[in-house]
Amino acid sequence: MGELNEGRWSVVSERGREAGGLHYADAVALVRRLLGEKVYGTCVVTDEAAARIGGEREAEVAATSGNNGTDPAPAKKRRAPRKKRTDAETGD
C-alpha cells in the first residue's frame, strides 16, 4: 500500500493527461468526477507511464487552474447535434 500513498499517479483520458503527482485515492476521485462530466477513456497510471503517453493537457490544466494541474479545466462545450431534415424540407 506504500505506493498508493505516494504522489506518483496520473489520470489520463481521451483528451490526454489530465493531472499528475496525485495520491491514488485523489486520482480515483478525479476519474469519478471526469466521468460525471462525460469525459471518457479515463484511467489511473503512474506518472512515468503518463509521460510516455504524451499530450499537452496537463500543461494547459496547470496554467489555467493555479494548483499544479490537479484540478482539470472544465470540459469544452460541444455543439448541439444537427437537426435531422424531413423529406418535406429536403424536397425528396
Protein backbone atom coordinates (compact mmCIF):
# COMPACT_ATOMS: atom_id res chain seq x y z
CA MET A 1 0.00 0.00 0.00
CA GLY A 2 3.02 2.32 0.26
CA GLU A 3 2.99 3.21 -3.43
CA LEU A 4 -0.70 4.08 -3.32
CA ASN A 5 0.04 6.79 -0.76
CA GLU A 6 2.81 8.35 -2.84
CA GLY A 7 2.17 11.29 -5.15
CA ARG A 8 3.16 9.34 -8.25
CA TRP A 9 -0.16 8.76 -10.00
CA SER A 10 -1.61 10.44 -13.08
CA VAL A 11 -5.04 10.49 -14.65
CA VAL A 12 -5.24 10.26 -18.43
CA SER A 13 -8.30 10.45 -20.64
CA GLU A 14 -9.21 10.65 -24.29
CA ARG A 15 -8.11 14.30 -24.07
CA GLY A 16 -4.62 13.46 -22.78
CA ARG A 17 -3.01 13.76 -19.36
CA GLU A 18 -5.49 15.38 -17.00
CA ALA A 19 -3.32 15.60 -13.86
CA GLY A 20 -0.20 14.13 -12.30
CA GLY A 21 1.60 13.83 -8.98
CA LEU A 22 -1.54 12.60 -7.23
CA HIS A 23 -2.08 10.11 -4.45
CA TYR A 24 -4.02 7.11 -5.76
CA ALA A 25 -7.20 7.98 -3.83
CA ASP A 26 -7.15 11.51 -5.29
CA ALA A 27 -6.64 10.09 -8.77
CA VAL A 28 -9.65 7.79 -8.37
CA ALA A 29 -11.76 10.74 -7.18
CA LEU A 30 -10.70 12.73 -10.25
CA VAL A 31 -11.63 9.83 -12.54
CA ARG A 32 -15.11 9.72 -10.99
CA ARG A 33 -15.54 13.47 -11.42
CA LEU A 34 -14.43 13.35 -15.05
CA LEU A 35 -16.84 10.52 -15.79
CA GLY A 36 -19.60 12.69 -14.33
CA GLU A 37 -18.55 15.40 -16.79
CA LYS A 38 -18.80 12.88 -19.66
CA VAL A 39 -15.02 12.66 -20.18
CA TYR A 40 -14.28 9.12 -21.29
CA GLY A 41 -11.24 6.90 -21.66
CA THR A 42 -10.10 7.80 -18.15
CA CYS A 43 -7.62 5.68 -16.26
CA VAL A 44 -5.06 5.92 -13.47
CA VAL A 45 -1.43 5.24 -14.39
CA THR A 46 1.94 6.09 -12.89
CA ASP A 47 3.46 9.46 -13.72
CA GLU A 48 6.21 7.59 -15.56
CA ALA A 49 3.70 5.84 -17.83
CA ALA A 50 1.75 9.06 -18.40
CA ALA A 51 4.94 10.80 -19.51
CA ARG A 52 5.34 8.20 -22.25
CA ILE A 53 1.79 8.72 -23.47
CA GLY A 54 2.38 12.42 -24.09
CA GLY A 55 -0.31 15.00 -24.60
CA GLU A 56 -0.37 18.66 -23.68
CA ARG A 57 -3.44 18.60 -21.47
CA GLU A 58 -1.50 18.71 -18.17
CA ALA A 59 0.40 21.86 -19.14
CA GLU A 60 -2.86 23.50 -20.18
CA VAL A 61 -4.53 22.47 -16.92
CA ALA A 62 -1.64 23.66 -14.76
CA ALA A 63 -1.62 27.03 -16.49
CA THR A 64 -5.35 27.60 -16.01
CA SER A 65 -6.06 26.01 -12.62
CA GLY A 66 -3.36 27.54 -10.44
CA ASN A 67 -2.95 24.32 -8.45
CA ASN A 68 -0.20 22.36 -10.23
CA GLY A 69 -2.58 20.64 -12.62
CA THR A 70 -4.52 18.64 -10.06
CA ASP A 71 -7.84 20.28 -10.89
CA PRO A 72 -8.63 19.99 -14.60
CA ALA A 73 -10.14 22.84 -16.53
CA PRO A 74 -13.81 22.49 -17.44
CA ALA A 75 -14.55 20.39 -20.48
CA LYS A 76 -15.06 22.22 -23.74
CA LYS A 77 -18.66 22.77 -24.70
CA ARG A 78 -19.83 20.66 -27.58
CA ARG A 79 -22.12 21.79 -30.31
CA ALA A 80 -25.69 20.62 -30.31
CA PRO A 81 -26.37 17.81 -32.78
CA ARG A 82 -27.71 18.88 -36.14
CA LYS A 83 -31.43 18.70 -36.62
CA LYS A 84 -32.46 15.93 -39.00
CA ARG A 85 -34.25 17.25 -42.03
CA THR A 86 -37.53 15.73 -43.07
CA ASP A 87 -38.39 14.74 -46.63
CA ALA A 88 -40.64 17.82 -46.92
CA GLU A 89 -37.70 20.08 -46.05
CA THR A 90 -35.30 18.43 -48.49
CA GLY A 91 -37.77 18.26 -51.35
CA ASP A 92 -37.47 14.48 -51.78
